[in-house]
Each structure stands twice: as structure tokens, then as C-alpha cells.
Protein backbone atom coordinates (compact mmCIF):
# COMPACT_ATOMS: atom_id res chain seq x y z
CA MET A 1 55.78 -21.20 27.23
CA GLY A 2 59.22 -20.36 25.88
CA ASN A 3 60.85 -19.62 29.24
CA ILE A 4 60.05 -23.03 30.68
CA LEU A 5 62.11 -24.62 27.87
CA ASN A 6 65.26 -22.80 28.95
CA LYS A 7 68.04 -25.37 29.45
CA ASP A 8 68.77 -24.32 33.05
CA ILE A 9 65.09 -24.59 33.96
CA GLN A 10 64.78 -27.97 32.24
CA ASP A 11 67.86 -29.20 34.13
CA PHE A 12 66.26 -28.05 37.40
CA ILE A 13 63.02 -29.89 36.51
CA ASN A 14 64.92 -33.08 35.68
CA ALA A 15 66.88 -32.86 38.94
CA ASN A 16 63.65 -32.60 40.97
CA LEU A 17 61.45 -35.28 39.40
CA THR A 18 61.28 -37.19 42.70
CA ALA A 19 61.15 -34.13 44.98
CA ASP A 20 58.23 -33.43 47.32
CA LEU A 21 56.05 -31.06 45.28
CA HIS A 22 54.40 -29.42 48.30
CA SER A 23 57.81 -28.52 49.73
CA LEU A 24 58.93 -27.16 46.36
CA LEU A 25 55.88 -24.91 46.12
CA LEU A 26 56.87 -23.25 49.40
CA LYS A 27 60.24 -22.26 47.97
CA LYS A 28 61.06 -19.29 45.81
CA SER A 29 61.79 -19.98 42.16
CA PRO A 30 65.52 -19.77 41.35
CA PHE A 31 64.59 -18.29 37.96
CA PRO A 32 63.25 -14.74 37.57
CA ASP A 33 61.12 -15.48 34.48
CA VAL A 34 59.37 -18.65 35.70
CA THR A 35 57.35 -19.18 38.90
CA MET A 36 57.77 -22.20 41.13
CA HIS A 37 54.14 -23.07 40.38
CA GLU A 38 54.99 -23.34 36.64
CA ILE A 39 58.02 -25.49 37.43
CA VAL A 40 56.04 -27.83 39.69
CA GLN A 41 53.38 -28.11 36.98
CA GLN A 42 55.99 -29.52 34.60
CA ILE A 43 57.40 -31.90 37.24
CA LYS A 44 53.89 -33.15 38.00
CA GLY A 45 53.25 -33.57 34.27
CA ARG A 46 56.30 -35.77 33.85
CA GLN A 47 55.34 -37.84 36.89
CA VAL A 48 51.87 -38.43 35.44
CA ALA A 49 53.28 -39.12 31.97
CA ALA A 50 55.59 -41.83 33.32
CA LYS A 51 52.51 -43.83 34.37
CA LYS A 52 49.80 -42.64 32.01
CA PHE A 53 51.35 -41.68 28.65
CA PRO A 54 55.07 -42.51 28.62
CA PHE A 55 55.46 -41.65 24.91
CA LEU A 56 55.61 -37.98 26.02
CA LEU A 57 58.72 -38.49 28.15
CA ARG A 58 61.05 -36.66 25.81
CA GLU A 59 62.80 -33.29 25.66
CA HIS A 60 60.85 -30.06 25.06
CA ILE A 61 57.38 -31.53 25.78
CA ILE A 62 55.22 -29.13 27.81
CA PHE A 63 52.52 -30.30 30.22
CA PRO A 64 49.23 -28.53 31.12
CA PRO A 65 47.71 -27.96 34.60
CA ASN A 66 46.87 -30.99 36.73
CA LEU A 67 43.10 -30.92 36.03
CA ASN A 68 43.79 -31.36 32.30
CA LEU A 69 46.16 -34.23 33.08
CA GLU A 70 43.49 -35.94 35.20
CA GLN A 71 40.88 -35.66 32.44
CA THR A 72 43.21 -37.00 29.74
CA SER A 73 42.95 -40.56 28.46
CA SER A 74 45.78 -42.95 29.18
CA GLN A 75 48.08 -44.10 26.39
CA SER A 76 46.76 -47.68 26.65
CA THR A 77 43.09 -46.69 26.20
CA ALA A 78 43.96 -44.30 23.36
CA GLU A 79 46.00 -46.96 21.56
CA TYR A 80 43.15 -49.45 21.92
CA LYS A 81 40.61 -47.00 20.47
CA ALA A 82 42.89 -46.33 17.50
CA ARG A 83 43.24 -49.98 16.41
CA SER A 84 40.28 -50.11 14.06
CA LEU A 85 40.17 -46.48 12.92
CA ARG A 86 41.40 -45.32 9.54
CA GLY A 87 40.35 -43.00 6.75
CA ASN A 88 41.19 -39.64 5.20
CA SER A 89 39.76 -36.98 7.52
CA PHE A 90 39.60 -36.96 11.33
CA LEU A 91 38.01 -34.33 13.59
CA ASP A 92 38.46 -34.02 17.37
CA LEU A 93 35.94 -31.50 18.71
CA THR A 94 37.29 -31.51 22.29
CA THR A 95 41.03 -31.91 21.87
CA GLY A 96 42.10 -31.20 25.47
CA PHE A 97 45.73 -32.27 25.92
CA GLY A 98 45.51 -34.22 22.67
CA ILE A 99 46.40 -37.77 23.79
CA ASP A 100 43.32 -39.35 22.20
CA ALA A 101 43.71 -37.20 19.09
CA TYR A 102 47.36 -38.19 18.70
CA PHE A 103 46.63 -41.93 18.60
CA LEU A 104 43.14 -42.00 17.07
CA SER A 105 44.25 -39.88 14.11
CA GLN A 106 47.41 -41.81 13.25
CA ASN A 107 45.80 -43.58 10.27
CA PHE A 108 44.30 -40.39 8.80
CA ASP A 109 45.83 -37.78 6.46
CA ASP A 110 43.70 -34.70 7.17
CA LEU A 111 43.48 -33.86 10.91
CA THR A 112 41.37 -31.10 12.47
CA LEU A 113 41.62 -30.36 16.20
CA VAL A 114 39.22 -28.03 18.03
CA GLU A 115 39.86 -26.74 21.56
CA GLN A 116 38.33 -23.69 23.26
CA ASN A 117 41.12 -23.26 25.86
CA SER A 118 43.73 -21.06 24.14
CA GLU A 119 46.63 -22.07 26.41
CA LEU A 120 45.83 -25.75 25.99
CA ILE A 121 45.64 -25.60 22.19
CA GLU A 122 48.98 -23.76 22.08
CA THR A 123 50.51 -26.48 24.26
CA VAL A 124 49.16 -29.18 21.92
CA LYS A 125 50.46 -27.29 18.86
CA HIS A 126 53.92 -27.09 20.42
CA ASN A 127 53.99 -30.76 21.45
CA TRP A 128 52.73 -32.01 18.09
CA ASN A 129 55.48 -30.04 16.40
CA ILE A 130 58.03 -31.76 18.67
CA LEU A 131 56.39 -35.13 17.87
CA GLY A 132 56.43 -34.45 14.13
CA ARG A 133 52.64 -34.51 13.64
CA LYS A 134 50.67 -31.99 11.58
CA ALA A 135 47.08 -30.84 12.03
CA THR A 136 44.80 -27.86 11.50
CA PHE A 137 44.05 -26.27 14.87
CA PHE A 138 40.97 -24.24 15.80
CA ASN A 139 40.86 -22.27 19.05
CA GLN A 140 37.09 -21.98 19.48
CA ASN A 141 34.22 -23.77 21.16
CA LEU A 142 32.76 -26.64 19.21
CA GLU A 143 29.29 -25.07 18.84
CA ASP A 144 30.83 -22.16 16.90
CA PHE A 145 32.99 -24.54 14.89
CA LEU A 146 29.96 -26.64 13.92
CA LYS A 147 28.03 -23.53 12.83
CA GLU A 148 30.87 -22.42 10.54
CA ASN A 149 32.05 -25.83 9.34
CA LYS A 150 31.30 -26.86 5.74
CA LYS A 151 33.40 -30.06 5.65
CA ALA A 152 32.50 -33.70 6.12
CA PHE A 153 34.79 -36.04 8.07
CA ASP A 154 35.33 -39.78 8.05
CA VAL A 155 35.47 -39.90 11.86
CA VAL A 156 34.45 -37.35 14.50
CA TYR A 157 35.62 -37.83 18.07
CA MET A 158 34.66 -35.96 21.23
CA ASP A 159 35.09 -36.18 24.97
CA PRO A 160 32.55 -33.79 26.53
CA ALA A 161 33.45 -31.97 29.75
CA ARG A 162 31.94 -33.81 32.70
CA ARG A 163 32.07 -30.98 35.23
CA ASP A 164 29.63 -28.09 35.71
CA LEU A 165 30.53 -24.45 36.33
CA ASN A 166 31.19 -25.26 40.00
CA LYS A 167 33.53 -28.10 38.92
CA ASN A 168 31.13 -30.75 40.27
CA LYS A 169 30.97 -34.00 38.26
CA VAL A 170 27.91 -34.45 36.04
CA PHE A 171 26.77 -37.54 34.13
CA LEU A 172 23.50 -36.97 32.23
CA LEU A 173 24.04 -36.07 28.59
CA GLU A 174 22.06 -32.83 28.85
CA ASP A 175 24.35 -31.67 31.68
CA LEU A 176 27.60 -32.22 29.76
CA SER A 177 29.43 -29.50 27.88
CA PRO A 178 28.41 -29.62 25.11
CA ASN A 179 24.87 -30.94 25.53
CA LEU A 180 25.01 -34.06 23.35
CA LEU A 181 21.25 -34.21 22.93
CA GLU A 182 21.31 -30.81 21.22
CA ILE A 183 24.13 -31.54 18.76
CA GLN A 184 23.72 -35.24 17.94
CA ASP A 185 21.88 -34.52 14.67
CA GLU A 186 24.62 -32.12 13.57
CA LEU A 187 27.29 -34.72 14.34
CA LEU A 188 25.51 -37.32 12.22
CA LYS A 189 25.32 -34.84 9.32
CA ILE A 190 29.07 -34.15 9.12
CA SER A 191 30.33 -37.72 9.57
CA SER A 192 29.26 -41.29 9.01
CA GLN A 193 30.93 -42.27 12.30
CA THR A 194 31.01 -40.33 15.57
CA ILE A 195 32.78 -41.68 18.65
CA ILE A 196 31.96 -40.20 22.05
CA LYS A 197 33.86 -40.88 25.27
CA LEU A 198 31.72 -40.79 28.41
CA SER A 199 31.99 -41.36 32.15
CA PRO A 200 32.49 -44.96 33.36
CA LEU A 201 29.45 -44.41 35.61
CA ILE A 202 26.96 -43.76 32.81
CA ASP A 203 24.20 -46.32 32.21
CA SER A 204 24.02 -48.06 28.82
CA LYS A 205 20.21 -48.38 28.85
CA TYR A 206 19.93 -44.64 29.42
CA LEU A 207 22.25 -43.96 26.47
CA ILE A 208 20.25 -46.19 24.16
CA SER A 209 17.03 -44.42 25.19
CA VAL A 210 18.26 -40.88 24.38
CA LEU A 211 20.86 -41.19 21.58
CA GLU A 212 20.13 -42.01 17.95
CA ASN A 213 22.01 -44.24 15.53
CA ILE A 214 24.13 -46.08 18.12
CA SER A 215 25.91 -49.02 16.51
CA LYS A 216 28.18 -50.05 19.38
CA ILE A 217 28.94 -49.35 23.04
CA GLU A 218 32.36 -50.27 24.42
CA ILE A 219 33.08 -50.52 28.15
CA ILE A 220 36.83 -50.13 28.63
CA ALA A 221 38.66 -51.12 31.81
CA VAL A 222 42.38 -51.00 32.56
CA LYS A 223 43.61 -53.61 35.05
CA ASN A 224 39.95 -54.25 35.97
CA GLU A 225 39.12 -50.59 36.71
CA VAL A 226 36.46 -49.27 34.33
CA LYS A 227 37.87 -46.08 32.81
CA GLU A 228 35.47 -45.03 30.09
CA VAL A 229 32.38 -45.86 28.07
CA LEU A 230 32.63 -45.31 24.31
CA ILE A 231 29.60 -44.66 22.12
CA TYR A 232 29.85 -45.33 18.37
CA MET A 233 27.18 -43.49 16.38
CA ASP A 234 26.75 -44.40 12.71
CA SER A 235 24.67 -42.20 10.41
CA LYS A 236 23.89 -45.30 8.32
CA GLN A 237 22.87 -47.43 11.30
CA ASN A 238 19.39 -48.80 10.61
CA SER A 239 19.52 -51.99 12.66
CA ALA A 240 17.93 -52.35 16.07
CA LYS A 241 20.91 -54.49 17.11
CA ILE A 242 23.49 -52.58 19.18
CA LEU A 243 26.74 -54.36 20.01
CA CYS A 244 28.21 -54.17 23.53
CA ARG A 245 31.93 -54.95 23.83
CA CYS A 246 33.65 -55.29 27.21
CA ILE A 247 37.44 -54.86 27.31
CA ASN A 248 39.91 -55.21 30.19
CA LEU A 249 43.26 -53.84 29.03
CA GLU A 250 46.57 -54.87 30.61
CA SER A 251 44.91 -57.91 32.18
CA GLY A 252 45.02 -60.84 29.79
CA ASP A 253 41.21 -61.14 29.97
CA SER A 254 39.38 -62.13 26.80
CA PRO A 255 36.96 -59.55 25.33
CA PHE A 256 33.28 -60.22 25.95
CA GLU A 257 30.67 -59.01 23.51
CA PHE A 258 26.96 -59.42 22.90
CA PHE A 259 24.00 -57.56 21.46
CA PHE A 260 21.78 -55.52 23.75
CA GLY A 261 18.60 -57.53 24.10
CA ASP A 262 20.45 -60.83 24.44
CA GLU A 263 20.41 -60.52 28.23
CA GLU A 264 16.61 -60.25 28.35
CA SER A 265 16.21 -63.56 26.55
CA ALA A 266 19.01 -65.38 28.45
CA ALA A 267 18.31 -67.75 31.34
CA ALA A 268 20.80 -68.44 34.11
CA ILE A 269 21.34 -71.85 35.71
CA TYR A 270 21.78 -71.92 39.50
CA SER A 271 23.86 -74.10 41.76
CA GLY A 272 25.72 -74.21 45.02
CA PRO A 273 29.53 -73.76 44.84
CA GLU A 274 31.39 -76.34 42.77
CA LYS A 275 35.10 -76.76 42.09
CA TYR A 276 35.74 -73.50 40.20
CA LEU A 277 34.56 -69.98 41.01
CA TYR A 278 34.27 -67.38 38.23
CA ILE A 279 34.48 -63.66 39.03
CA PRO A 280 33.60 -61.51 35.99
CA GLY A 281 35.75 -58.47 35.23
CA ASN A 282 34.29 -55.09 36.15
CA ALA A 283 33.70 -54.10 32.52
CA VAL A 284 31.56 -57.23 32.08
CA LEU A 285 29.71 -56.56 35.34
CA LYS A 286 28.96 -53.00 34.23
CA SER A 287 27.37 -54.35 31.04
CA GLY A 288 24.69 -56.07 33.15
CA ALA A 289 24.86 -59.33 31.16
CA PHE A 290 24.48 -61.46 34.29
CA ASN A 291 22.25 -64.23 32.91
CA LEU A 292 24.02 -64.22 29.55
CA ILE A 293 27.35 -65.04 31.23
CA SER A 294 25.81 -68.19 32.70
CA GLU A 295 24.29 -69.19 29.38
CA ARG A 296 27.27 -68.27 27.17
CA PHE A 297 29.91 -70.12 29.23
CA ASN A 298 27.63 -72.87 30.55
CA ILE A 299 28.45 -72.01 34.17
CA LYS A 300 26.06 -71.76 37.09
CA LYS A 301 25.12 -68.67 39.07
CA LEU A 302 25.24 -68.85 42.86
CA HIS A 303 22.23 -66.59 43.48
CA PRO A 304 20.07 -64.14 41.44
CA ASN A 305 21.79 -61.22 43.17
CA THR A 306 25.26 -62.79 43.43
CA HIS A 307 27.16 -62.21 40.20
CA LEU A 308 29.55 -65.07 40.84
CA TYR A 309 29.52 -68.31 38.88
CA THR A 310 30.65 -71.89 39.40
CA SER A 311 31.35 -75.15 37.59
CA ASP A 312 33.03 -78.52 38.13
CA GLU A 313 34.83 -78.34 34.77
CA PHE A 314 37.31 -75.53 34.05
CA VAL A 315 36.10 -73.07 31.40
CA GLU A 316 38.77 -71.34 29.31
CA ASP A 317 38.69 -67.74 28.01
CA PHE A 318 36.39 -66.52 30.76
CA PRO A 319 36.50 -62.69 30.89
CA GLY A 320 37.56 -62.42 34.52
CA ARG A 321 39.26 -64.26 37.35
CA VAL A 322 38.90 -68.01 37.90
CA LEU A 323 39.69 -69.58 41.29
CA GLU A 324 39.64 -73.15 42.50
CA THR A 325 37.76 -72.94 45.80
CA GLU A 326 36.24 -74.91 48.64
CA ALA A 327 33.48 -74.00 51.06
CA VAL A 328 34.61 -73.43 54.66
CA GLY A 329 32.85 -72.69 57.92
CA PRO A 330 33.30 -69.45 59.88
CA LYS A 331 35.13 -71.30 62.68
CA SER A 332 37.81 -72.53 60.26
CA VAL A 333 38.88 -68.95 59.43
CA LYS A 334 41.99 -68.51 61.57
CA LYS A 335 42.50 -65.19 63.33
CA GLY A 336 45.56 -63.32 62.14
CA ALA A 337 45.70 -65.20 58.82
CA GLN A 338 46.38 -63.29 55.59
CA TYR A 339 43.86 -63.27 52.75
CA ASN A 340 42.55 -61.18 49.89
CA ILE A 341 38.96 -60.56 50.94
CA ILE A 342 36.08 -60.45 48.44
CA SER A 343 32.54 -59.65 49.56
CA LYS A 344 29.69 -60.06 47.05
CA ASN A 345 26.00 -59.94 48.05
CA TYR A 346 27.05 -60.27 51.68
CA PRO A 347 26.03 -58.09 54.66
CA LEU A 348 29.60 -57.16 55.66
CA LYS A 349 32.11 -55.17 53.62
CA PRO A 350 35.73 -56.40 53.33
CA GLU A 351 36.92 -53.95 56.00
CA ASP A 352 34.23 -55.18 58.43
CA ILE A 353 35.13 -58.80 57.67
CA LYS A 354 38.81 -58.15 58.41
CA LYS A 355 37.91 -56.60 61.77
CA LYS A 356 35.46 -59.35 62.71
CA TYR A 357 37.86 -62.21 61.94
CA LYS A 358 41.06 -60.25 62.76
CA LEU A 359 42.48 -60.94 59.29
CA LYS A 360 45.43 -59.37 57.51
CA ASP A 361 45.10 -58.12 53.97
CA GLY A 362 47.11 -59.60 51.08
CA GLY A 363 48.87 -62.87 50.39
CA ASN A 364 48.14 -65.42 47.68
CA GLN A 365 44.87 -66.87 48.96
CA TYR A 366 41.34 -65.49 48.67
CA LEU A 367 38.41 -65.63 51.05
CA ILE A 368 35.11 -64.96 49.31
CA PHE A 369 32.14 -64.05 51.49
CA THR A 370 28.96 -64.34 49.46
CA GLN A 371 25.54 -65.94 49.21
CA SER A 372 24.10 -68.91 47.36
CA GLN A 373 20.43 -69.75 47.09
CA LYS A 374 20.78 -71.71 50.36
CA GLY A 375 22.20 -68.77 52.31
CA LYS A 376 25.48 -67.12 53.28
CA ILE A 377 28.69 -69.01 52.44
CA ILE A 378 32.45 -68.56 52.74
CA LEU A 379 34.73 -69.87 49.98
CA LYS A 380 38.50 -70.23 50.27
CA SER A 381 40.80 -70.44 47.27
CA LYS A 382 43.19 -73.40 47.07
């Protein structure tokens, strides 16, 4: 670790931040004590940090291998998760590169970080020293830590590994490392609140069926791409009501929240396309609250299987995109014109639509290919 911080090596890294990394890897390192692979790892780290966690763009910060960078939360999601957390003691059982731990623990005095990868925990120790943050570090797997631990914590956080031994992605809780189903009782014993970060692909109904004491599920998107699902487990939770909160960071979208069970009792209203078209954000769509959206915002659904909505009056604070549209016929779609193509509950995908109508991608207007209860329709934004 020390050699990479040598001034000459750091100058070389800074001079090659925009270099082609594949070409660099084919060259011999100009420094006898550091390989080109180690140098490229640091360049890649700074490139990722510039987009994902810019607070680390400072001197003497060391970055881990690319797989650890990929699995690390972004600064924006970590900052969001930290907003409502505070207390005395904080425990991160799967520290990784420490981005979540750094932000989530900022309103706590006593910090404990557990990480089984010895190189990774040493990197985090070094970086936290540079950043002026203190913590107690444990280089061991969390199962051993939990067996030996005698303390209670105000908040426990974990982000289980979502890859198996062959590095294939896994999603079911029993396939994660650690197996959440085996340790959930232990987690509830050592803290009143446990927060677990899971894959954006995991199903909320499945989680509710296998995990105990869930108080809240948050679906977090960044610029309309769902990034993670957060589970809040509360040892004192005795209510059957579980809150679902849908967030779209860096978008301007309003949060959307409801209690699981509300969707089952909600009834959608249906209509053909009216003046405004409402396209829910992907975090909201993942929640499955399709009828509730219609009921909550008093807007009409185009079709039971088309999760698009319409109204003649503009509805403010809708958690998604709102377009003023008109219905058009297939013959009015000019070949060679430029549109953003959306296909929802329609036989053709956007790429197939572009080929069929010889359309160019982009521009300021939208063409929406979808289906109402009367059949297939095309809507054009004004």
C-alpha cells in the first residue's frame, strides 16, 4: 500500500487519468516496486470516484480492485440513507470499501466496522485516517463476529454479498453471504434497528414472507434506474403495517409511499388517452402499486396491463414523467423523423419500432406505443 503513495507514482497516476487503460496494462511499469496492474487499479478507482463518490477525489486515497468498486454504493444513495439515522453506536457487518459506512455513521459516536477481506479493511482504515474519521475495525467474517460480540448497537447495517463461489449473481436470501434467514434473529437481538441493502431485482412480497419484524421497505432509484432495495427491521415492530417508500434521486420526482396491503384494496379507473400521460418512475413501478397510483392521484389507467395513466387535468407532484400527448395513426409517423421511443404493453420493442418506421433515436418529442382497453395505440408528445 505504501509504495503506491510515492509522489512520483502519484504524479504518474494523475498524468494518466484519461489514458486508455487497456493500452497501459500492456506496458511495463516505470517503477520497480509497483506493477502496472496496481497503477491502473488506482486510475480506474479515480475514474469511478469522479462519477460515483467524488468526495474521495483527494490526495493519498487508495482504491480497491474493480469488483469492489462495482459493488459499492454511490455517494448519492449513501447520503440519502444517512439522512434519518442517528444515535450512539453503529455497526456495519459488511464494510466493503466503506462508502455506506462513512455516510451512515456520521451521526454516531461509536463506530464498529467488520470486513473479512484483510486487504480491503486495511484500505478502509487508511482512507478513514486520511478523511479524519475514527472507528473500531474487525478483520473477520460476520458470523464469527456475531458469536463473539457482547455489545448492543443502535443501528446495524449490512450489504450481503450477492455472488456465489463461481461469481454468479444470486438473489434469494438463503443464497446470499451471509444467509439472512439464519442470522435474522441474532441481528434483532443486538439492535433495535437493522438495515439491509439488497438487489434491485428482489421481490418485496418474497421479503415480507420470509423476514421477521420488517417495518419499512425502500426502493431507491438514481435518475430512474433502480439501484437498491433497503429493508428496515425493527425488533419492536409489532404492527402488521409495513411501509413502502419509493425514491428517485437526482430526478426531481416526489417520493411515493404507501402501506403494503393498500394495493389489494385499491381500484383503478380506466379510460382511453386524455390530454396528459403519466409514466411512473421505475422505483414506483417496482413497488407494484399499479391500482393505488390511479386511486391516489385520481388518474385513469389505460389498460389492466398497461402501467400508464391519463387525465384531462394536470396533476402535480406525480412521481414520474408527465407528457402532454395526442393519439396519432401509424401512417402519420414520418419515416426518418427523430423521437424518443417508449413501448409499454405493446408487441414490438423500441428497437423493432425504430426499424419498422425507420425512425431516429433522440430529440425532444416522444412516441409512445402502447395499448388501451380498445386496442393498440400510438401517442405523440406535444
